[in-house]
């Protein structure tokens, strides 16, 4: 098996620098909620990986606006799960006003389905 490449998986500071605007009949203006909601989703995902022991040995994260998560900081099972489910889960919670609790619940359900599929 070939060695996997390392790359930045999630860059919280880069998300924070992303310019997002709302354009409607009132004109264009910054979207005040986008950064908070996107960052909350990323934190929920990383914290879930940690809870499920899907990070490489010795890797720990805490919420920080400059947090960077590299691909090889996930263990093999974490990388398989992220590769398979991250984008699908993120699209499922990409709605304004989705609470962290709901995001986590959806992730728990996705994890259970993933584990069931892996154990077949």
PDB file of N, CA and C in Angstrom:
ATOM      1  N   UNK A   1       0.844  -1.177   0.000  1.00  0.00           N
ATOM      2  CA  UNK A   1       0.000   0.000   0.000  1.00  0.00           C
ATOM      3  C   UNK A   1       0.887   1.237   0.000  1.00  0.00           C
ATOM      4  N   UNK A   2       0.568   2.196  -0.812  1.00  0.00           N
ATOM      5  CA  UNK A   2       1.382   3.406  -0.897  1.00  0.00           C
ATOM      6  C   UNK A   2       1.108   4.316   0.300  1.00  0.00           C
ATOM      7  N   UNK A   3       2.100   5.093   0.644  1.00  0.00           N
ATOM      8  CA  UNK A   3       1.985   6.023   1.762  1.00  0.00           C
ATOM      9  C   UNK A   3       1.084   7.187   1.361  1.00  0.00           C
ATOM     10  N   UNK A   4       0.214   7.593   2.272  1.00  0.00           N
ATOM     11  CA  UNK A   4      -0.701   8.697   1.983  1.00  0.00           C
ATOM     12  C   UNK A   4       0.015  10.031   2.089  1.00  0.00           C
ATOM     13  N   UNK A   5      -0.424  10.977   1.291  1.00  0.00           N
ATOM     14  CA  UNK A   5       0.112  12.341   1.347  1.00  0.00           C
ATOM     15  C   UNK A   5      -0.547  13.098   2.474  1.00  0.00           C
ATOM     16  N   UNK A   6       0.193  14.008   3.069  1.00  0.00           N
ATOM     17  CA  UNK A   6      -0.352  14.870   4.108  1.00  0.00           C
ATOM     18  C   UNK A   6      -0.746  16.195   3.469  1.00  0.00           C
ATOM     19  N   UNK A   7      -1.837  16.750   3.927  1.00  0.00           N
ATOM     20  CA  UNK A   7      -2.311  18.036   3.445  1.00  0.00           C
ATOM     21  C   UNK A   7      -3.208  18.643   4.517  1.00  0.00           C
ATOM     22  N   UNK A   8      -3.511  19.909   4.372  1.00  0.00           N
ATOM     23  CA  UNK A   8      -4.394  20.563   5.324  1.00  0.00           C
ATOM     24  C   UNK A   8      -5.817  20.115   5.016  1.00  0.00           C
ATOM     25  N   UNK A   9      -6.437  19.489   5.991  1.00  0.00           N
ATOM     26  CA  UNK A   9      -7.805  18.986   5.858  1.00  0.00           C
ATOM     27  C   UNK A   9      -8.803  20.093   6.206  1.00  0.00           C
ATOM     28  N   UNK A  10      -8.614  20.739   7.347  1.00  0.00           N
ATOM     29  CA  UNK A  10      -9.482  21.839   7.757  1.00  0.00           C
ATOM     30  C   UNK A  10      -8.604  22.962   8.295  1.00  0.00           C
ATOM     31  N   UNK A  11      -8.791  24.157   7.770  1.00  0.00           N
ATOM     32  CA  UNK A  11      -8.015  25.329   8.179  1.00  0.00           C
ATOM     33  C   UNK A  11      -8.992  26.383   8.685  1.00  0.00           C
ATOM     34  N   UNK A  12      -9.117  26.484   9.994  1.00  0.00           N
ATOM     35  CA  UNK A  12     -10.101  27.381  10.596  1.00  0.00           C
ATOM     36  C   UNK A  12      -9.816  28.844  10.274  1.00  0.00           C
ATOM     37  N   UNK A  13      -8.539  29.245  10.268  1.00  0.00           N
ATOM     38  CA  UNK A  13      -8.200  30.634   9.956  1.00  0.00           C
ATOM     39  C   UNK A  13      -8.583  30.979   8.515  1.00  0.00           C
ATOM     40  N   UNK A  14      -8.365  30.047   7.594  1.00  0.00           N
ATOM     41  CA  UNK A  14      -8.731  30.294   6.193  1.00  0.00           C
ATOM     42  C   UNK A  14     -10.243  30.443   6.051  1.00  0.00           C
ATOM     43  N   UNK A  15     -10.995  29.649   6.802  1.00  0.00           N
ATOM     44  CA  UNK A  15     -12.456  29.789   6.776  1.00  0.00           C
ATOM     45  C   UNK A  15     -12.834  31.177   7.270  1.00  0.00           C
ATOM     46  N   UNK A  16     -12.174  31.621   8.334  1.00  0.00           N
ATOM     47  CA  UNK A  16     -12.461  32.936   8.897  1.00  0.00           C
ATOM     48  C   UNK A  16     -12.150  34.078   7.953  1.00  0.00           C
ATOM     49  N   UNK A  17     -11.187  33.870   7.053  1.00  0.00           N
ATOM     50  CA  UNK A  17     -10.816  34.921   6.085  1.00  0.00           C
ATOM     51  C   UNK A  17     -11.696  34.924   4.842  1.00  0.00           C
ATOM     52  N   UNK A  18     -12.529  33.918   4.686  1.00  0.00           N
ATOM     53  CA  UNK A  18     -13.382  33.820   3.506  1.00  0.00           C
ATOM     54  C   UNK A  18     -14.438  34.923   3.539  1.00  0.00           C
ATOM     55  N   UNK A  19     -14.546  35.653   2.448  1.00  0.00           N
ATOM     56  CA  UNK A  19     -15.527  36.729   2.350  1.00  0.00           C
ATOM     57  C   UNK A  19     -16.826  36.148   1.795  1.00  0.00           C
ATOM     58  N   UNK A  20     -17.898  36.333   2.548  1.00  0.00           N
ATOM     59  CA  UNK A  20     -19.203  35.812   2.154  1.00  0.00           C
ATOM     60  C   UNK A  20     -20.204  36.944   2.253  1.00  0.00           C
ATOM     61  N   UNK A  21     -20.953  37.148   1.188  1.00  0.00           N
ATOM     62  CA  UNK A  21     -21.950  38.220   1.186  1.00  0.00           C
ATOM     63  C   UNK A  21     -23.327  37.673   0.853  1.00  0.00           C
ATOM     64  N   UNK A  22     -24.306  38.424   1.281  1.00  0.00           N
ATOM     65  CA  UNK A  22     -25.701  38.154   0.943  1.00  0.00           C
ATOM     66  C   UNK A  22     -26.085  39.186  -0.105  1.00  0.00           C
ATOM     67  N   UNK A  23     -26.690  38.742  -1.159  1.00  0.00           N
ATOM     68  CA  UNK A  23     -27.192  39.669  -2.187  1.00  0.00           C
ATOM     69  C   UNK A  23     -28.676  39.423  -2.354  1.00  0.00           C
ATOM     70  N   UNK A  24     -29.457  40.446  -2.112  1.00  0.00           N
ATOM     71  CA  UNK A  24     -30.902  40.353  -2.278  1.00  0.00           C
ATOM     72  C   UNK A  24     -31.448  41.731  -2.628  1.00  0.00           C
ATOM     73  N   UNK A  25     -32.746  41.896  -2.472  1.00  0.00           N
ATOM     74  CA  UNK A  25     -33.364  43.171  -2.844  1.00  0.00           C
ATOM     75  C   UNK A  25     -32.838  44.341  -2.018  1.00  0.00           C
ATOM     76  N   UNK A  26     -32.214  44.056  -0.881  1.00  0.00           N
ATOM     77  CA  UNK A  26     -31.639  45.111  -0.043  1.00  0.00           C
ATOM     78  C   UNK A  26     -30.206  45.438  -0.443  1.00  0.00           C
ATOM     79  N   UNK A  27     -29.679  44.733  -1.418  1.00  0.00           N
ATOM     80  CA  UNK A  27     -28.309  44.951  -1.867  1.00  0.00           C
ATOM     81  C   UNK A  27     -27.374  43.876  -1.351  1.00  0.00           C
ATOM     82  N   UNK A  28     -26.081  44.147  -1.452  1.00  0.00           N
ATOM     83  CA  UNK A  28     -25.075  43.195  -0.988  1.00  0.00           C
ATOM     84  C   UNK A  28     -24.529  43.657   0.364  1.00  0.00           C
ATOM     85  N   UNK A  29     -24.342  42.686   1.241  1.00  0.00           N
ATOM     86  CA  UNK A  29     -23.801  42.981   2.567  1.00  0.00           C
ATOM     87  C   UNK A  29     -23.147  41.714   3.103  1.00  0.00           C
ATOM     88  N   UNK A  30     -22.250  41.858   4.078  1.00  0.00           N
ATOM     89  CA  UNK A  30     -21.625  40.660   4.658  1.00  0.00           C
ATOM     90  C   UNK A  30     -22.664  39.759   5.321  1.00  0.00           C
ATOM     91  N   UNK A  31     -22.434  38.460   5.271  1.00  0.00           N
ATOM     92  CA  UNK A  31     -23.305  37.493   5.944  1.00  0.00           C
ATOM     93  C   UNK A  31     -22.761  37.295   7.360  1.00  0.00           C
ATOM     94  N   UNK A  32     -23.445  37.791   8.370  1.00  0.00           N
ATOM     95  CA  UNK A  32     -22.906  37.739   9.735  1.00  0.00           C
ATOM     96  C   UNK A  32     -22.898  36.347  10.367  1.00  0.00           C
ATOM     97  N   UNK A  33     -23.659  35.422   9.839  1.00  0.00           N
ATOM     98  CA  UNK A  33     -23.777  34.110  10.467  1.00  0.00           C
ATOM     99  C   UNK A  33     -22.946  33.016   9.810  1.00  0.00           C
ATOM    100  N   UNK A  34     -22.537  33.220   8.573  1.00  0.00           N
ATOM    101  CA  UNK A  34     -21.879  32.155   7.819  1.00  0.00           C
ATOM    102  C   UNK A  34     -20.650  31.606   8.536  1.00  0.00           C
ATOM    103  N   UNK A  35     -19.732  32.474   8.946  1.00  0.00           N
ATOM    104  CA  UNK A  35     -18.492  32.017   9.573  1.00  0.00           C
ATOM    105  C   UNK A  35     -18.775  31.226  10.853  1.00  0.00           C
ATOM    106  N   UNK A  36     -19.662  31.736  11.680  1.00  0.00           N
ATOM    107  CA  UNK A  36     -19.982  31.071  12.940  1.00  0.00           C
ATOM    108  C   UNK A  36     -20.537  29.671  12.683  1.00  0.00           C
ATOM    109  N   UNK A  37     -21.452  29.560  11.732  1.00  0.00           N
ATOM    110  CA  UNK A  37     -22.076  28.267  11.461  1.00  0.00           C
ATOM    111  C   UNK A  37     -21.111  27.275  10.817  1.00  0.00           C
ATOM    112  N   UNK A  38     -20.298  27.744   9.899  1.00  0.00           N
ATOM    113  CA  UNK A  38     -19.330  26.847   9.248  1.00  0.00           C
ATOM    114  C   UNK A  38     -18.279  26.387  10.245  1.00  0.00           C
ATOM    115  N   UNK A  39     -17.782  27.309  11.043  1.00  0.00           N
ATOM    116  CA  UNK A  39     -16.780  26.928  12.042  1.00  0.00           C
ATOM    117  C   UNK A  39     -17.364  25.954  13.060  1.00  0.00           C
ATOM    118  N   UNK A  40     -18.602  26.176  13.470  1.00  0.00           N
ATOM    119  CA  UNK A  40     -19.248  25.263  14.416  1.00  0.00           C
ATOM    120  C   UNK A  40     -19.319  23.856  13.830  1.00  0.00           C
ATOM    121  N   UNK A  41     -19.642  23.743  12.553  1.00  0.00           N
ATOM    122  CA  UNK A  41     -19.697  22.428  11.901  1.00  0.00           C
ATOM    123  C   UNK A  41     -18.334  21.746  11.934  1.00  0.00           C
ATOM    124  N   UNK A  42     -17.289  22.494  11.637  1.00  0.00           N
ATOM    125  CA  UNK A  42     -15.942  21.914  11.620  1.00  0.00           C
ATOM    126  C   UNK A  42     -15.531  21.463  13.018  1.00  0.00           C
ATOM    127  N   UNK A  43     -15.840  22.278  14.029  1.00  0.00           N
ATOM    128  CA  UNK A  43     -15.519  21.888  15.409  1.00  0.00           C
ATOM    129  C   UNK A  43     -16.262  20.625  15.809  1.00  0.00           C
ATOM    130  N   UNK A  44     -17.533  20.538  15.461  1.00  0.00           N
ATOM    131  CA  UNK A  44     -18.322  19.343  15.782  1.00  0.00           C
ATOM    132  C   UNK A  44     -17.668  18.117  15.148  1.00  0.00           C
ATOM    133  N   UNK A  45     -17.237  18.233  13.914  1.00  0.00           N
ATOM    134  CA  UNK A  45     -16.629  17.087  13.221  1.00  0.00           C
ATOM    135  C   UNK A  45     -15.326  16.667  13.899  1.00  0.00           C
ATOM    136  N   UNK A  46     -14.453  17.613  14.171  1.00  0.00           N
ATOM    137  CA  UNK A  46     -13.159  17.281  14.773  1.00  0.00           C
ATOM    138  C   UNK A  46     -13.343  16.720  16.180  1.00  0.00           C
ATOM    139  N   UNK A  47     -14.230  17.329  16.952  1.00  0.00           N
ATOM    140  CA  UNK A  47     -14.480  16.827  18.308  1.00  0.00           C
ATOM    141  C   UNK A  47     -15.050  15.408  18.278  1.00  0.00           C
ATOM    142  N   UNK A  48     -15.900  15.130  17.291  1.00  0.00           N
ATOM    143  CA  UNK A  48     -16.444  13.783  17.146  1.00  0.00           C
ATOM    144  C   UNK A  48     -15.332  12.789  16.815  1.00  0.00           C
ATOM    145  N   UNK A  49     -14.446  13.170  15.911  1.00  0.00           N
ATOM    146  CA  UNK A  49     -13.325  12.283  15.582  1.00  0.00           C
ATOM    147  C   UNK A  49     -12.516  11.962  16.834  1.00  0.00           C
ATOM    148  N   UNK A  50     -12.276  12.963  17.660  1.00  0.00           N
ATOM    149  CA  UNK A  50     -11.511  12.746  18.886  1.00  0.00           C
ATOM    150  C   UNK A  50     -12.259  11.797  19.830  1.00  0.00           C
ATOM    151  N   UNK A  51     -13.559  12.011  19.990  1.00  0.00           N
ATOM    152  CA  UNK A  51     -14.365  11.160  20.877  1.00  0.00           C
ATOM    153  C   UNK A  51     -14.372   9.702  20.422  1.00  0.00           C
ATOM    154  N   UNK A  52     -14.331   9.495  19.127  1.00  0.00           N
ATOM    155  CA  UNK A  52     -14.382   8.133  18.576  1.00  0.00           C
ATOM    156  C   UNK A  52     -12.986   7.529  18.398  1.00  0.00           C
ATOM    157  N   UNK A  53     -11.962   8.221  18.885  1.00  0.00           N
ATOM    158  CA  UNK A  53     -10.576   7.749  18.781  1.00  0.00           C
ATOM    159  C   UNK A  53     -10.160   7.580  17.322  1.00  0.00           C
ATOM    160  N   UNK A  54     -10.516   8.572  16.506  1.00  0.00           N
ATOM    161  CA  UNK A  54     -10.207   8.540  15.079  1.00  0.00           C
ATOM    162  C   UNK A  54      -9.064   9.487  14.716  1.00  0.00           C
ATOM    163  N   UNK A  55      -8.385  10.004  15.737  1.00  0.00           N
ATOM    164  CA  UNK A  55      -7.209  10.839  15.521  1.00  0.00           C
ATOM    165  C   UNK A  55      -5.963   9.999  15.746  1.00  0.00           C
ATOM    166  N   UNK A  56      -4.873  10.403  15.117  1.00  0.00           N
ATOM    167  CA  UNK A  56      -3.612   9.693  15.304  1.00  0.00           C
ATOM    168  C   UNK A  56      -3.201   9.768  16.777  1.00  0.00           C
ATOM    169  N   UNK A  57      -2.456   8.802  17.211  1.00  0.00           N
ATOM    170  CA  UNK A  57      -2.020   8.742  18.605  1.00  0.00           C
ATOM    171  C   UNK A  57      -1.280  10.027  18.989  1.00  0.00           C
ATOM    172  N   UNK A  58      -1.664  10.582  20.132  1.00  0.00           N
ATOM    173  CA  UNK A  58      -1.017  11.783  20.646  1.00  0.00           C
ATOM    174  C   UNK A  58      -1.554  13.094  20.098  1.00  0.00           C
ATOM    175  N   UNK A  59      -2.476  13.037  19.144  1.00  0.00           N
ATOM    176  CA  UNK A  59      -3.029  14.255  18.556  1.00  0.00           C
ATOM    177  C   UNK A  59      -4.232  14.703  19.375  1.00  0.00           C
ATOM    178  N   UNK A  60      -4.225  15.958  19.762  1.00  0.00           N
ATOM    179  CA  UNK A  60      -5.335  16.550  20.494  1.00  0.00           C
ATOM    180  C   UNK A  60      -5.650  17.912  19.896  1.00  0.00           C
ATOM    181  N   UNK A  61      -6.916  18.282  19.953  1.00  0.00           N
ATOM    182  CA  UNK A  61      -7.342  19.583  19.453  1.00  0.00           C
ATOM    183  C   UNK A  61      -8.218  20.260  20.489  1.00  0.00           C
ATOM    184  N   UNK A  62      -8.193  21.573  20.490  1.00  0.00           N
ATOM    185  CA  UNK A  62      -9.161  22.352  21.254  1.00  0.00           C
ATOM    186  C   UNK A  62      -9.643  23.466  20.333  1.00  0.00           C
ATOM    187  N   UNK A  63     -10.815  23.975  20.611  1.00  0.00           N
ATOM    188  CA  UNK A  63     -11.384  25.035  19.778  1.00  0.00           C
ATOM    189  C   UNK A  63     -10.483  26.256  19.801  1.00  0.00           C
ATOM    190  N   UNK A  64     -10.103  26.674  18.621  1.00  0.00           N
ATOM    191  CA  UNK A  64      -9.218  27.818  18.462  1.00  0.00           C
ATOM    192  C   UNK A  64      -9.441  28.390  17.065  1.00  0.00           C
ATOM    193  N   UNK A  65      -9.456  29.716  16.913  1.00  0.00           N
ATOM    194  CA  UNK A  65      -9.693  30.305  15.591  1.00  0.00           C
ATOM    195  C   UNK A  65      -8.562  30.056  14.596  1.00  0.00           C
ATOM    196  N   UNK A  66      -7.401  29.641  15.063  1.00  0.00           N
ATOM    197  CA  UNK A  66      -6.285  29.384  14.150  1.00  0.00           C
ATOM    198  C   UNK A  66      -5.948  27.887  14.039  1.00  0.00           C
ATOM    199  N   UNK A  67      -6.879  27.043  14.437  1.00  0.00           N
ATOM    200  CA  UNK A  67      -6.679  25.595  14.391  1.00  0.00           C
ATOM    201  C   UNK A  67      -6.501  25.120  12.952  1.00  0.00           C
ATOM    202  N   UNK A  68      -5.522  24.269  12.754  1.00  0.00           N
ATOM    203  CA  UNK A  68      -5.287  23.623  11.465  1.00  0.00           C
ATOM    204  C   UNK A  68      -5.268  22.117  11.716  1.00  0.00           C
ATOM    205  N   UNK A  69      -6.047  21.383  10.938  1.00  0.00           N
ATOM    206  CA  UNK A  69      -6.099  19.929  11.047  1.00  0.00           C
ATOM    207  C   UNK A  69      -5.517  19.356   9.761  1.00  0.00           C
ATOM    208  N   UNK A  70      -4.467  18.580   9.918  1.00  0.00           N
ATOM    209  CA  UNK A  70      -3.824  17.956   8.770  1.00  0.00           C
ATOM    210  C   UNK A  70      -4.360  16.532   8.603  1.00  0.00           C
ATOM    211  N   UNK A  71      -4.371  16.061   7.382  1.00  0.00           N
ATOM    212  CA  UNK A  71      -4.935  14.767   7.032  1.00  0.00           C
ATOM    213  C   UNK A  71      -4.301  13.633   7.835  1.00  0.00           C
ATOM    214  N   UNK A  72      -2.993  13.635   7.968  1.00  0.00           N
ATOM    215  CA  UNK A  72      -2.324  12.540   8.663  1.00  0.00           C
ATOM    216  C   UNK A  72      -2.429  12.655  10.181  1.00  0.00           C
ATOM    217  N   UNK A  73      -3.141  13.679  10.686  1.00  0.00           N
ATOM    218  CA  UNK A  73      -3.452  13.747  12.107  1.00  0.00           C
ATOM    219  C   UNK A  73      -4.671  12.882  12.431  1.00  0.00           C
ATOM    220  N   UNK A  74      -5.334  12.374  11.396  1.00  0.00           N
ATOM    221  CA  UNK A  74      -6.402  11.392  11.568  1.00  0.00           C
ATOM    222  C   UNK A  74      -5.750  10.017  11.433  1.00  0.00           C
ATOM    223  N   UNK A  75      -6.207   9.045  12.223  1.00  0.00           N
ATOM    224  CA  UNK A  75      -5.673   7.697  12.039  1.00  0.00           C
ATOM    225  C   UNK A  75      -6.316   7.085  10.786  1.00  0.00           C
ATOM    226  N   UNK A  76      -5.921   5.868  10.444  1.00  0.00           N
ATOM    227  CA  UNK A  76      -6.420   5.266   9.196  1.00  0.00           C
ATOM    228  C   UNK A  76      -7.937   5.156   9.180  1.00  0.00           C
ATOM    229  N   UNK A  77      -8.509   4.725  10.291  1.00  0.00           N
ATOM    230  CA  UNK A  77      -9.969   4.596  10.339  1.00  0.00           C
ATOM    231  C   UNK A  77     -10.619   5.977  10.226  1.00  0.00           C
ATOM    232  N   UNK A  78     -10.034   6.974  10.856  1.00  0.00           N
ATOM    233  CA  UNK A  78     -10.547   8.339  10.765  1.00  0.00           C
ATOM    234  C   UNK A  78     -10.487   8.872   9.342  1.00  0.00           C
ATOM    235  N   UNK A  79      -9.392   8.581   8.648  1.00  0.00           N
ATOM    236  CA  UNK A  79      -9.274   9.022   7.247  1.00  0.00           C
ATOM    237  C   UNK A  79     -10.287   8.311   6.361  1.00  0.00           C
ATOM    238  N   UNK A  80     -10.512   7.013   6.597  1.00  0.00           N
ATOM    239  CA  UNK A  80     -11.519   6.292   5.797  1.00  0.00           C
ATOM    240  C   UNK A  80     -12.907   6.888   6.045  1.00  0.00           C
ATOM    241  N   UNK A  81     -13.219   7.145   7.319  1.00  0.00           N
ATOM    242  CA  UNK A  81     -14.518   7.726   7.643  1.00  0.00           C
ATOM    243  C   UNK A  81     -14.662   9.122   7.021  1.00  0.00           C
ATOM    244  N   UNK A  82     -13.653   9.950   7.183  1.00  0.00           N
ATOM    245  CA  UNK A  82     -13.720  11.312   6.631  1.00  0.00           C
ATOM    246  C   UNK A  82     -13.839  11.271   5.103  1.00  0.00           C
ATOM    247  N   UNK A  83     -13.069  10.405   4.478  1.00  0.00           N
ATOM    248  CA  UNK A  83     -13.113  10.292   3.008  1.00  0.00           C
ATOM    249  C   UNK A  83     -14.511   9.875   2.538  1.00  0.00           C
ATOM    250  N   UNK A  84     -15.129   8.986   3.283  1.00  0.00           N
ATOM    251  CA  UNK A  84     -16.426   8.447   2.893  1.00  0.00           C
ATOM    252  C   UNK A  84     -17.593   9.364   3.265  1.00  0.00           C
ATOM    253  N   UNK A  85     -17.525   9.985   4.441  1.00  0.00           N
ATOM    254  CA  UNK A  85     -18.728  10.609   4.997  1.00  0.00           C
ATOM    255  C   UNK A  85     -18.680  12.118   5.229  1.00  0.00           C
ATOM    256  N   UNK A  86     -17.509  12.719   5.288  1.00  0.00           N
ATOM    257  CA  UNK A  86     -17.396  14.142   5.647  1.00  0.00           C
ATOM    258  C   UNK A  86     -18.227  15.051   4.742  1.00  0.00           C
ATOM    259  N   UNK A  87     -18.044  14.966   3.444  1.00  0.00           N
ATOM    260  CA  UNK A  87     -18.766  15.846   2.516  1.00  0.00           C
ATOM    261  C   UNK A  87     -20.272  15.622   2.578  1.00  0.00           C
ATOM    262  N   UNK A  88     -20.679  14.361   2.656  1.00  0.00           N
ATOM    263  CA  UNK A  88     -22.122  14.068   2.729  1.00  0.00           C
ATOM    264  C   UNK A  88     -22.718  14.645   4.010  1.00  0.00           C
ATOM    265  N   UNK A  89     -22.016  14.455   5.130  1.00  0.00           N
ATOM    266  CA  UNK A  89     -22.509  14.992   6.401  1.00  0.00           C
ATOM    267  C   UNK A  89     -22.554  16.517   6.356  1.00  0.00           C
ATOM    268  N   UNK A  90     -21.503  17.129   5.844  1.00  0.00           N
ATOM    269  CA  UNK A  90     -21.438  18.593   5.807  1.00  0.00           C
ATOM    270  C   UNK A  90     -22.575  19.164   4.959  1.00  0.00           C
ATOM    271  N   UNK A  91     -22.863  18.540   3.830  1.00  0.00           N
ATOM    272  CA  UNK A  91     -23.995  19.005   3.009  1.00  0.00           C
ATOM    273  C   UNK A  91     -25.314  18.848   3.748  1.00  0.00           C
ATOM    274  N   UNK A  92     -25.418  17.815   4.581  1.00  0.00           N
ATOM    275  CA  UNK A  92     -26.677  17.571   5.288  1.00  0.00           C
ATOM    276  C   UNK A  92     -26.930  18.583   6.404  1.00  0.00           C
ATOM    277  N   UNK A  93     -25.893  19.261   6.882  1.00  0.00           N
ATOM    278  CA  UNK A  93     -26.059  20.238   7.967  1.00  0.00           C
ATOM    279  C   UNK A  93     -25.828  21.668   7.489  1.00  0.00           C
ATOM    280  N   UNK A  94     -25.639  21.841   6.193  1.00  0.00           N
ATOM    281  CA  UNK A  94     -25.337  23.157   5.633  1.00  0.00           C
ATOM    282  C   UNK A  94     -26.618  23.957   5.416  1.00  0.00           C
ATOM    283  N   UNK A  95     -27.277  24.245   6.522  1.00  0.00           N
ATOM    284  CA  UNK A  95     -28.505  25.037   6.481  1.00  0.00           C
ATOM    285  C   UNK A  95     -28.417  26.049   7.605  1.00  0.00           C
ATOM    286  N   UNK A  96     -28.756  27.261   7.329  1.00  0.00           N
ATOM    287  CA  UNK A  96     -28.698  28.311   8.340  1.00  0.00           C
ATOM    288  C   UNK A  96     -29.548  27.930   9.547  1.00  0.00           C
ATOM    289  N   UNK A  97     -28.996  28.104  10.729  1.00  0.00           N
ATOM    290  CA  UNK A  97     -29.747  27.856  11.944  1.00  0.00           C
ATOM    291  C   UNK A  97     -29.670  26.434  12.479  1.00  0.00           C
ATOM    292  N   UNK A  98     -28.900  25.558  11.834  1.00  0.00           N
ATOM    293  CA  UNK A  98     -28.767  24.188  12.333  1.00  0.00           C
ATOM    294  C   UNK A  98     -27.885  24.213  13.583  1.00  0.00           C
ATOM    295  N   UNK A  99     -28.409  23.759  14.691  1.00  0.00           N
ATOM    296  CA  UNK A  99     -27.675  23.802  15.957  1.00  0.00           C
ATOM    297  C   UNK A  99     -26.549  22.775  15.977  1.00  0.00           C
ATOM    298  N   UNK A 100     -25.593  22.991  16.881  1.00  0.00           N
ATOM    299  CA  UNK A 100     -24.506  22.023  17.035  1.00  0.00           C
ATOM    300  C   UNK A 100     -25.051  20.668  17.480  1.00  0.00           C
ATOM    301  N   UNK A 101     -26.087  20.662  18.289  1.00  0.00           N
ATOM    302  CA  UNK A 101     -26.675  19.401  18.749  1.00  0.00           C
ATOM    303  C   UNK A 101     -27.234  18.603  17.573  1.00  0.00           C
ATOM    304  N   UNK A 102     -27.916  19.262  16.669  1.00  0.00           N
ATOM    305  CA  UNK A 102     -28.464  18.575  15.490  1.00  0.00           C
ATOM    306  C   UNK A 102     -27.324  18.099  14.594  1.00  0.00           C
ATOM    307  N   UNK A 103     -26.297  18.935  14.413  1.00  0.00           N
ATOM    308  CA  UNK A 103     -25.146  18.536  13.595  1.00  0.00           C
ATOM    309  C   UNK A 103     -24.506  17.280  14.177  1.00  0.00           C
ATOM    310  N   UNK A 104     -24.367  17.263  15.493  1.00  0.00           N
ATOM    311  CA  UNK A 104     -23.763  16.107  16.156  1.00  0.00           C
ATOM    312  C   UNK A 104     -24.650  14.874  16.017  1.00  0.00           C
ATOM    313  N   UNK A 105     -25.954  15.041  16.204  1.00  0.00           N
ATOM    314  CA  UNK A 105     -26.874  13.907  16.061  1.00  0.00           C
ATOM    315  C   UNK A 105     -26.778  13.302  14.666  1.00  0.00           C
ATOM    316  N   UNK A 106     -26.724  14.146  13.654  1.00  0.00           N
ATOM    317  CA  UNK A 106     -26.607  13.641  12.282  1.00  0.00           C
ATOM    318  C   UNK A 106     -25.277  12.919  12.076  1.00  0.00           C
ATOM    319  N   UNK A 107     -24.244  13.413  12.716  1.00  0.00           N
ATOM    320  CA  UNK A 107     -22.930  12.777  12.605  1.00  0.00           C
ATOM    321  C   UNK A 107     -22.922  11.428  13.322  1.00  0.00           C
ATOM    322  N   UNK A 108     -23.546  11.338  14.473  1.00  0.00           N
ATOM    323  CA  UNK A 108     -23.647  10.079  15.207  1.00  0.00           C
ATOM    324  C   UNK A 108     -24.382   9.041  14.356  1.00  0.00           C
ATOM    325  N   UNK A 109     -25.473   9.443  13.733  1.00  0.00           N
ATOM    326  CA  UNK A 109     -26.230   8.518  12.871  1.00  0.00           C
ATOM    327  C   UNK A 109     -25.400   8.089  11.669  1.00  0.00           C
ATOM    328  N   UNK A 110     -24.672   9.019  11.084  1.00  0.00           N
ATOM    329  CA  UNK A 110     -23.831   8.688   9.932  1.00  0.00           C
ATOM    330  C   UNK A 110     -22.720   7.734  10.357  1.00  0.00           C
ATOM    331  N   UNK A 111     -22.161   7.941  11.540  1.00  0.00           N
ATOM    332  CA  UNK A 111     -21.119   7.071  12.067  1.00  0.00           C
ATOM    333  C   UNK A 111     -21.660   5.650  12.265  1.00  0.00           C
ATOM    334  N   UNK A 112     -22.845   5.533  12.834  1.00  0.00           N
ATOM    335  CA  UNK A 112     -23.449   4.211  13.065  1.00  0.00           C
ATOM    336  C   UNK A 112     -23.650   3.477  11.737  1.00  0.00           C
ATOM    337  N   UNK A 113     -24.157   4.171  10.736  1.00  0.00           N
ATOM    338  CA  UNK A 113     -24.355   3.539   9.414  1.00  0.00           C
ATOM    339  C   UNK A 113     -23.010   3.145   8.805  1.00  0.00           C
ATOM    340  N   UNK A 114     -22.027   4.023   8.952  1.00  0.00           N
ATOM    341  CA  UNK A 114     -20.698   3.729   8.415  1.00  0.00           C
ATOM    342  C   UNK A 114     -20.111   2.485   9.083  1.00  0.00           C
ATOM    343  N   UNK A 115     -20.201   2.408  10.402  1.00  0.00           N
ATOM    344  CA  UNK A 115     -19.669   1.254  11.133  1.00  0.00           C
ATOM    345  C   UNK A 115     -20.378  -0.038  10.738  1.00  0.00           C
ATOM    346  N   UNK A 116     -21.699   0.034  10.578  1.00  0.00           N
ATOM    347  CA  UNK A 116     -22.468  -1.145  10.166  1.00  0.00           C
ATOM    348  C   UNK A 116     -21.992  -1.627   8.789  1.00  0.00           C
ATOM    349  N   UNK A 117     -21.768  -0.692   7.885  1.00  0.00           N
ATOM    350  CA  UNK A 117     -21.312  -1.024   6.538  1.00  0.00           C
ATOM    351  C   UNK A 117     -19.898  -1.608   6.577  1.00  0.00           C
ATOM    352  N   UNK A 118     -19.036  -1.038   7.420  1.00  0.00           N
ATOM    353  CA  UNK A 118     -17.646  -1.515   7.543  1.00  0.00           C
ATOM    354  C   UNK A 118     -17.587  -2.939   8.109  1.00  0.00           C
ATOM    355  N   UNK A 119     -18.557  -3.287   8.972  1.00  0.00           N
ATOM    356  CA  UNK A 119     -18.535  -4.582   9.638  1.00  0.00           C
ATOM    357  C   UNK A 119     -19.259  -5.679   8.871  1.00  0.00           C
ATOM    358  N   UNK A 120     -19.738  -5.393   7.691  1.00  0.00           N
ATOM    359  CA  UNK A 120     -20.426  -6.401   6.890  1.00  0.00           C
ATOM    360  C   UNK A 120     -19.447  -7.380   6.299  1.00  0.00           C
TER     361      UNK A 120
END
